[in-house]
């Protein structure tokens, strides 16, 4: 079953403010690919002491999120470097 994406307040504005179009495309493509996985933890790894899950995107950029397996939701919080 596909996971649903939820974005934290301000995340979409942060994506729109990225001046590198190829990075924006990579971020959105990565999120779409991860949400389609049966097990979104099969890629990426823990971030910030295990509190968040992170997906590498481009260079040193990571998408920080939390995965809720009960509700099948990936809550996207931030982009970290």
PDB file of N, CA and C in Angstrom:
ATOM      1  N   UNK A   1       0.839  -1.185   0.000  1.00  0.00           N
ATOM      2  CA  UNK A   1       0.000   0.000   0.000  1.00  0.00           C
ATOM      3  C   UNK A   1       0.878   1.240   0.000  1.00  0.00           C
ATOM      4  N   UNK A   2       0.505   2.206  -0.754  1.00  0.00           N
ATOM      5  CA  UNK A   2       1.261   3.451  -0.903  1.00  0.00           C
ATOM      6  C   UNK A   2       1.146   4.304   0.365  1.00  0.00           C
ATOM      7  N   UNK A   3       2.263   4.926   0.748  1.00  0.00           N
ATOM      8  CA  UNK A   3       2.269   5.855   1.877  1.00  0.00           C
ATOM      9  C   UNK A   3       1.847   7.235   1.393  1.00  0.00           C
ATOM     10  N   UNK A   4       1.158   7.945   2.248  1.00  0.00           N
ATOM     11  CA  UNK A   4       0.696   9.297   1.938  1.00  0.00           C
ATOM     12  C   UNK A   4       1.747  10.280   2.448  1.00  0.00           C
ATOM     13  N   UNK A   5       2.004  11.343   1.704  1.00  0.00           N
ATOM     14  CA  UNK A   5       2.950  12.369   2.128  1.00  0.00           C
ATOM     15  C   UNK A   5       2.208  13.504   2.819  1.00  0.00           C
ATOM     16  N   UNK A   6       2.734  13.942   3.943  1.00  0.00           N
ATOM     17  CA  UNK A   6       2.236  15.137   4.630  1.00  0.00           C
ATOM     18  C   UNK A   6       3.421  16.067   4.827  1.00  0.00           C
ATOM     19  N   UNK A   7       3.228  17.341   4.541  1.00  0.00           N
ATOM     20  CA  UNK A   7       4.301  18.308   4.655  1.00  0.00           C
ATOM     21  C   UNK A   7       4.096  19.210   5.867  1.00  0.00           C
ATOM     22  N   UNK A   8       5.172  19.434   6.609  1.00  0.00           N
ATOM     23  CA  UNK A   8       5.116  20.344   7.756  1.00  0.00           C
ATOM     24  C   UNK A   8       4.857  21.763   7.254  1.00  0.00           C
ATOM     25  N   UNK A   9       4.296  22.562   8.128  1.00  0.00           N
ATOM     26  CA  UNK A   9       4.024  23.950   7.790  1.00  0.00           C
ATOM     27  C   UNK A   9       5.323  24.632   7.357  1.00  0.00           C
ATOM     28  N   UNK A  10       5.286  25.280   6.230  1.00  0.00           N
ATOM     29  CA  UNK A  10       6.455  25.994   5.725  1.00  0.00           C
ATOM     30  C   UNK A  10       7.360  25.181   4.815  1.00  0.00           C
ATOM     31  N   UNK A  11       7.145  23.863   4.751  1.00  0.00           N
ATOM     32  CA  UNK A  11       8.033  23.037   3.929  1.00  0.00           C
ATOM     33  C   UNK A  11       7.873  23.347   2.441  1.00  0.00           C
ATOM     34  N   UNK A  12       6.656  23.483   1.969  1.00  0.00           N
ATOM     35  CA  UNK A  12       6.437  23.765   0.547  1.00  0.00           C
ATOM     36  C   UNK A  12       7.036  25.118   0.170  1.00  0.00           C
ATOM     37  N   UNK A  13       6.954  26.081   1.084  1.00  0.00           N
ATOM     38  CA  UNK A  13       7.556  27.385   0.834  1.00  0.00           C
ATOM     39  C   UNK A  13       9.079  27.255   0.759  1.00  0.00           C
ATOM     40  N   UNK A  14       9.618  26.409   1.608  1.00  0.00           N
ATOM     41  CA  UNK A  14      11.071  26.177   1.604  1.00  0.00           C
ATOM     42  C   UNK A  14      11.502  25.531   0.286  1.00  0.00           C
ATOM     43  N   UNK A  15      10.742  24.579  -0.212  1.00  0.00           N
ATOM     44  CA  UNK A  15      11.047  23.945  -1.503  1.00  0.00           C
ATOM     45  C   UNK A  15      11.010  24.999  -2.612  1.00  0.00           C
ATOM     46  N   UNK A  16       9.986  25.835  -2.599  1.00  0.00           N
ATOM     47  CA  UNK A  16       9.837  26.855  -3.641  1.00  0.00           C
ATOM     48  C   UNK A  16      10.972  27.876  -3.609  1.00  0.00           C
ATOM     49  N   UNK A  17      11.576  28.075  -2.436  1.00  0.00           N
ATOM     50  CA  UNK A  17      12.631  29.081  -2.316  1.00  0.00           C
ATOM     51  C   UNK A  17      14.000  28.568  -2.767  1.00  0.00           C
ATOM     52  N   UNK A  18      14.120  27.280  -3.041  1.00  0.00           N
ATOM     53  CA  UNK A  18      15.405  26.728  -3.486  1.00  0.00           C
ATOM     54  C   UNK A  18      15.687  27.234  -4.895  1.00  0.00           C
ATOM     55  N   UNK A  19      16.848  27.852  -5.051  1.00  0.00           N
ATOM     56  CA  UNK A  19      17.168  28.492  -6.323  1.00  0.00           C
ATOM     57  C   UNK A  19      17.689  27.525  -7.386  1.00  0.00           C
ATOM     58  N   UNK A  20      17.964  26.293  -7.010  1.00  0.00           N
ATOM     59  CA  UNK A  20      18.482  25.318  -7.973  1.00  0.00           C
ATOM     60  C   UNK A  20      17.344  24.413  -8.437  1.00  0.00           C
ATOM     61  N   UNK A  21      16.860  24.598  -9.670  1.00  0.00           N
ATOM     62  CA  UNK A  21      15.731  23.791 -10.151  1.00  0.00           C
ATOM     63  C   UNK A  21      16.003  22.295 -10.125  1.00  0.00           C
ATOM     64  N   UNK A  22      17.233  21.880 -10.413  1.00  0.00           N
ATOM     65  CA  UNK A  22      17.535  20.448 -10.418  1.00  0.00           C
ATOM     66  C   UNK A  22      17.438  19.860  -9.013  1.00  0.00           C
ATOM     67  N   UNK A  23      17.748  20.643  -7.979  1.00  0.00           N
ATOM     68  CA  UNK A  23      17.607  20.168  -6.602  1.00  0.00           C
ATOM     69  C   UNK A  23      16.135  20.038  -6.233  1.00  0.00           C
ATOM     70  N   UNK A  24      15.315  21.014  -6.629  1.00  0.00           N
ATOM     71  CA  UNK A  24      13.866  20.936  -6.379  1.00  0.00           C
ATOM     72  C   UNK A  24      13.281  19.685  -7.022  1.00  0.00           C
ATOM     73  N   UNK A  25      13.645  19.424  -8.272  1.00  0.00           N
ATOM     74  CA  UNK A  25      13.143  18.235  -8.969  1.00  0.00           C
ATOM     75  C   UNK A  25      13.597  16.965  -8.271  1.00  0.00           C
ATOM     76  N   UNK A  26      14.859  16.931  -7.837  1.00  0.00           N
ATOM     77  CA  UNK A  26      15.387  15.749  -7.155  1.00  0.00           C
ATOM     78  C   UNK A  26      14.651  15.505  -5.841  1.00  0.00           C
ATOM     79  N   UNK A  27      14.359  16.566  -5.097  1.00  0.00           N
ATOM     80  CA  UNK A  27      13.625  16.437  -3.833  1.00  0.00           C
ATOM     81  C   UNK A  27      12.243  15.850  -4.065  1.00  0.00           C
ATOM     82  N   UNK A  28      11.520  16.420  -5.008  1.00  0.00           N
ATOM     83  CA  UNK A  28      10.152  15.967  -5.261  1.00  0.00           C
ATOM     84  C   UNK A  28      10.124  14.554  -5.853  1.00  0.00           C
ATOM     85  N   UNK A  29      11.071  14.243  -6.718  1.00  0.00           N
ATOM     86  CA  UNK A  29      11.155  12.902  -7.292  1.00  0.00           C
ATOM     87  C   UNK A  29      11.457  11.869  -6.213  1.00  0.00           C
ATOM     88  N   UNK A  30      12.373  12.203  -5.308  1.00  0.00           N
ATOM     89  CA  UNK A  30      12.720  11.293  -4.215  1.00  0.00           C
ATOM     90  C   UNK A  30      11.509  11.040  -3.321  1.00  0.00           C
ATOM     91  N   UNK A  31      10.782  12.088  -2.980  1.00  0.00           N
ATOM     92  CA  UNK A  31       9.599  11.924  -2.132  1.00  0.00           C
ATOM     93  C   UNK A  31       8.545  11.044  -2.796  1.00  0.00           C
ATOM     94  N   UNK A  32       8.310  11.248  -4.079  1.00  0.00           N
ATOM     95  CA  UNK A  32       7.335  10.428  -4.793  1.00  0.00           C
ATOM     96  C   UNK A  32       7.769   8.966  -4.824  1.00  0.00           C
ATOM     97  N   UNK A  33       9.048   8.728  -5.080  1.00  0.00           N
ATOM     98  CA  UNK A  33       9.556   7.356  -5.148  1.00  0.00           C
ATOM     99  C   UNK A  33       9.453   6.664  -3.799  1.00  0.00           C
ATOM    100  N   UNK A  34       9.792   7.367  -2.739  1.00  0.00           N
ATOM    101  CA  UNK A  34       9.769   6.782  -1.395  1.00  0.00           C
ATOM    102  C   UNK A  34       8.337   6.470  -0.963  1.00  0.00           C
ATOM    103  N   UNK A  35       7.400   7.345  -1.289  1.00  0.00           N
ATOM    104  CA  UNK A  35       6.010   7.120  -0.872  1.00  0.00           C
ATOM    105  C   UNK A  35       5.399   5.912  -1.574  1.00  0.00           C
ATOM    106  N   UNK A  36       5.962   5.513  -2.709  1.00  0.00           N
ATOM    107  CA  UNK A  36       5.438   4.366  -3.451  1.00  0.00           C
ATOM    108  C   UNK A  36       6.002   3.036  -2.957  1.00  0.00           C
ATOM    109  N   UNK A  37       7.009   3.079  -2.098  1.00  0.00           N
ATOM    110  CA  UNK A  37       7.626   1.845  -1.617  1.00  0.00           C
ATOM    111  C   UNK A  37       6.731   1.119  -0.619  1.00  0.00           C
ATOM    112  N   UNK A  38       6.810  -0.188  -0.626  1.00  0.00           N
ATOM    113  CA  UNK A  38       6.098  -0.998   0.363  1.00  0.00           C
ATOM    114  C   UNK A  38       6.668  -0.737   1.759  1.00  0.00           C
ATOM    115  N   UNK A  39       7.986  -0.590   1.835  1.00  0.00           N
ATOM    116  CA  UNK A  39       8.664  -0.292   3.098  1.00  0.00           C
ATOM    117  C   UNK A  39       9.571   0.923   2.878  1.00  0.00           C
ATOM    118  N   UNK A  40       9.123   2.129   3.258  1.00  0.00           N
ATOM    119  CA  UNK A  40       9.923   3.325   3.012  1.00  0.00           C
ATOM    120  C   UNK A  40      11.247   3.344   3.789  1.00  0.00           C
ATOM    121  N   UNK A  41      11.404   2.446   4.757  1.00  0.00           N
ATOM    122  CA  UNK A  41      12.668   2.385   5.493  1.00  0.00           C
ATOM    123  C   UNK A  41      13.726   1.557   4.760  1.00  0.00           C
ATOM    124  N   UNK A  42      13.370   0.995   3.610  1.00  0.00           N
ATOM    125  CA  UNK A  42      14.338   0.218   2.845  1.00  0.00           C
ATOM    126  C   UNK A  42      15.394   1.114   2.207  1.00  0.00           C
ATOM    127  N   UNK A  43      15.172   2.414   2.198  1.00  0.00           N
ATOM    128  CA  UNK A  43      16.134   3.393   1.709  1.00  0.00           C
ATOM    129  C   UNK A  43      16.366   4.423   2.821  1.00  0.00           C
ATOM    130  N   UNK A  44      17.463   5.110   2.746  1.00  0.00           N
ATOM    131  CA  UNK A  44      17.748   6.156   3.724  1.00  0.00           C
ATOM    132  C   UNK A  44      18.257   5.597   5.036  1.00  0.00           C
ATOM    133  N   UNK A  45      18.148   6.398   6.074  1.00  0.00           N
ATOM    134  CA  UNK A  45      18.626   5.985   7.389  1.00  0.00           C
ATOM    135  C   UNK A  45      18.213   6.979   8.445  1.00  0.00           C
ATOM    136  N   UNK A  46      18.524   6.664   9.695  1.00  0.00           N
ATOM    137  CA  UNK A  46      18.119   7.530  10.795  1.00  0.00           C
ATOM    138  C   UNK A  46      18.924   8.822  10.788  1.00  0.00           C
ATOM    139  N   UNK A  47      18.296   9.873  11.291  1.00  0.00           N
ATOM    140  CA  UNK A  47      18.928  11.191  11.411  1.00  0.00           C
ATOM    141  C   UNK A  47      18.598  11.739  12.785  1.00  0.00           C
ATOM    142  N   UNK A  48      19.431  12.630  13.251  1.00  0.00           N
ATOM    143  CA  UNK A  48      19.204  13.343  14.516  1.00  0.00           C
ATOM    144  C   UNK A  48      18.950  12.365  15.666  1.00  0.00           C
ATOM    145  N   UNK A  49      19.844  11.419  15.824  1.00  0.00           N
ATOM    146  CA  UNK A  49      19.756  10.483  16.939  1.00  0.00           C
ATOM    147  C   UNK A  49      18.600   9.504  16.865  1.00  0.00           C
ATOM    148  N   UNK A  50      18.106   9.228  15.688  1.00  0.00           N
ATOM    149  CA  UNK A  50      17.021   8.264  15.525  1.00  0.00           C
ATOM    150  C   UNK A  50      15.628   8.861  15.600  1.00  0.00           C
ATOM    151  N   UNK A  51      15.538  10.174  15.845  1.00  0.00           N
ATOM    152  CA  UNK A  51      14.228  10.816  15.943  1.00  0.00           C
ATOM    153  C   UNK A  51      13.567  10.958  14.563  1.00  0.00           C
ATOM    154  N   UNK A  52      14.378  11.146  13.538  1.00  0.00           N
ATOM    155  CA  UNK A  52      13.866  11.326  12.176  1.00  0.00           C
ATOM    156  C   UNK A  52      14.478  10.295  11.248  1.00  0.00           C
ATOM    157  N   UNK A  53      13.830  10.106  10.111  1.00  0.00           N
ATOM    158  CA  UNK A  53      14.360   9.274   9.054  1.00  0.00           C
ATOM    159  C   UNK A  53      14.811  10.222   7.947  1.00  0.00           C
ATOM    160  N   UNK A  54      15.930   9.933   7.322  1.00  0.00           N
ATOM    161  CA  UNK A  54      16.439  10.820   6.291  1.00  0.00           C
ATOM    162  C   UNK A  54      16.695  10.098   4.985  1.00  0.00           C
ATOM    163  N   UNK A  55      16.437  10.807   3.910  1.00  0.00           N
ATOM    164  CA  UNK A  55      16.702  10.291   2.570  1.00  0.00           C
ATOM    165  C   UNK A  55      17.695  11.216   1.885  1.00  0.00           C
ATOM    166  N   UNK A  56      18.822  10.665   1.415  1.00  0.00           N
ATOM    167  CA  UNK A  56      19.767  11.512   0.681  1.00  0.00           C
ATOM    168  C   UNK A  56      19.158  11.916  -0.652  1.00  0.00           C
ATOM    169  N   UNK A  57      19.407  13.155  -1.043  1.00  0.00           N
ATOM    170  CA  UNK A  57      18.802  13.655  -2.271  1.00  0.00           C
ATOM    171  C   UNK A  57      19.858  14.057  -3.293  1.00  0.00           C
ATOM    172  N   UNK A  58      20.674  15.011  -2.926  1.00  0.00           N
ATOM    173  CA  UNK A  58      21.620  15.582  -3.882  1.00  0.00           C
ATOM    174  C   UNK A  58      22.807  16.115  -3.098  1.00  0.00           C
ATOM    175  N   UNK A  59      23.982  15.590  -3.353  1.00  0.00           N
ATOM    176  CA  UNK A  59      25.151  16.038  -2.603  1.00  0.00           C
ATOM    177  C   UNK A  59      24.968  15.762  -1.129  1.00  0.00           C
ATOM    178  N   UNK A  60      25.020  16.798  -0.310  1.00  0.00           N
ATOM    179  CA  UNK A  60      24.881  16.636   1.139  1.00  0.00           C
ATOM    180  C   UNK A  60      23.466  16.937   1.632  1.00  0.00           C
ATOM    181  N   UNK A  61      22.493  17.099   0.747  1.00  0.00           N
ATOM    182  CA  UNK A  61      21.112  17.401   1.130  1.00  0.00           C
ATOM    183  C   UNK A  61      20.357  16.133   1.505  1.00  0.00           C
ATOM    184  N   UNK A  62      19.614  16.213   2.607  1.00  0.00           N
ATOM    185  CA  UNK A  62      18.777  15.113   3.082  1.00  0.00           C
ATOM    186  C   UNK A  62      17.365  15.624   3.324  1.00  0.00           C
ATOM    187  N   UNK A  63      16.391  14.776   3.085  1.00  0.00           N
ATOM    188  CA  UNK A  63      15.013  15.061   3.458  1.00  0.00           C
ATOM    189  C   UNK A  63      14.805  14.448   4.835  1.00  0.00           C
ATOM    190  N   UNK A  64      14.356  15.241   5.806  1.00  0.00           N
ATOM    191  CA  UNK A  64      14.092  14.751   7.167  1.00  0.00           C
ATOM    192  C   UNK A  64      12.593  14.528   7.334  1.00  0.00           C
ATOM    193  N   UNK A  65      12.233  13.341   7.791  1.00  0.00           N
ATOM    194  CA  UNK A  65      10.818  13.021   7.950  1.00  0.00           C
ATOM    195  C   UNK A  65      10.620  12.010   9.062  1.00  0.00           C
ATOM    196  N   UNK A  66       9.364  11.776   9.395  1.00  0.00           N
ATOM    197  CA  UNK A  66       8.977  10.715  10.315  1.00  0.00           C
ATOM    198  C   UNK A  66       8.014   9.797   9.565  1.00  0.00           C
ATOM    199  N   UNK A  67       8.126   8.499   9.840  1.00  0.00           N
ATOM    200  CA  UNK A  67       7.294   7.513   9.148  1.00  0.00           C
ATOM    201  C   UNK A  67       6.326   6.901  10.148  1.00  0.00           C
ATOM    202  N   UNK A  68       5.050   6.977   9.828  1.00  0.00           N
ATOM    203  CA  UNK A  68       3.999   6.391  10.656  1.00  0.00           C
ATOM    204  C   UNK A  68       3.437   5.180   9.905  1.00  0.00           C
ATOM    205  N   UNK A  69       3.836   3.978  10.351  1.00  0.00           N
ATOM    206  CA  UNK A  69       3.408   2.759   9.666  1.00  0.00           C
ATOM    207  C   UNK A  69       1.938   2.431   9.905  1.00  0.00           C
ATOM    208  N   UNK A  70       1.399   2.843  11.024  1.00  0.00           N
ATOM    209  CA  UNK A  70      -0.004   2.566  11.334  1.00  0.00           C
ATOM    210  C   UNK A  70      -0.935   3.279  10.358  1.00  0.00           C
ATOM    211  N   UNK A  71      -0.681   4.588  10.151  1.00  0.00           N
ATOM    212  CA  UNK A  71      -1.528   5.380   9.264  1.00  0.00           C
ATOM    213  C   UNK A  71      -0.993   5.455   7.839  1.00  0.00           C
ATOM    214  N   UNK A  72       0.172   4.814   7.588  1.00  0.00           N
ATOM    215  CA  UNK A  72       0.817   4.847   6.267  1.00  0.00           C
ATOM    216  C   UNK A  72       1.058   6.281   5.806  1.00  0.00           C
ATOM    217  N   UNK A  73       1.740   7.047   6.677  1.00  0.00           N
ATOM    218  CA  UNK A  73       2.012   8.455   6.399  1.00  0.00           C
ATOM    219  C   UNK A  73       3.503   8.725   6.561  1.00  0.00           C
ATOM    220  N   UNK A  74       4.043   9.487   5.630  1.00  0.00           N
ATOM    221  CA  UNK A  74       5.401  10.008   5.751  1.00  0.00           C
ATOM    222  C   UNK A  74       5.247  11.507   5.975  1.00  0.00           C
ATOM    223  N   UNK A  75       5.627  11.968   7.169  1.00  0.00           N
ATOM    224  CA  UNK A  75       5.533  13.387   7.496  1.00  0.00           C
ATOM    225  C   UNK A  75       6.887  14.053   7.228  1.00  0.00           C
ATOM    226  N   UNK A  76       6.907  14.931   6.258  1.00  0.00           N
ATOM    227  CA  UNK A  76       8.145  15.573   5.812  1.00  0.00           C
ATOM    228  C   UNK A  76       8.297  16.886   6.564  1.00  0.00           C
ATOM    229  N   UNK A  77       9.465  17.037   7.249  1.00  0.00           N
ATOM    230  CA  UNK A  77       9.674  18.206   8.087  1.00  0.00           C
ATOM    231  C   UNK A  77      10.626  19.231   7.491  1.00  0.00           C
ATOM    232  N   UNK A  78      11.755  18.775   6.945  1.00  0.00           N
ATOM    233  CA  UNK A  78      12.769  19.761   6.571  1.00  0.00           C
ATOM    234  C   UNK A  78      13.760  19.141   5.586  1.00  0.00           C
ATOM    235  N   UNK A  79      14.569  20.019   5.054  1.00  0.00           N
ATOM    236  CA  UNK A  79      15.710  19.625   4.236  1.00  0.00           C
ATOM    237  C   UNK A  79      16.927  19.987   5.056  1.00  0.00           C
ATOM    238  N   UNK A  80      17.817  19.046   5.285  1.00  0.00           N
ATOM    239  CA  UNK A  80      19.010  19.353   6.063  1.00  0.00           C
ATOM    240  C   UNK A  80      20.253  19.147   5.212  1.00  0.00           C
ATOM    241  N   UNK A  81      21.307  19.781   5.654  1.00  0.00           N
ATOM    242  CA  UNK A  81      22.594  19.668   4.961  1.00  0.00           C
ATOM    243  C   UNK A  81      23.573  19.022   5.870  1.00  0.00           C
TER     244      UNK A  81
END
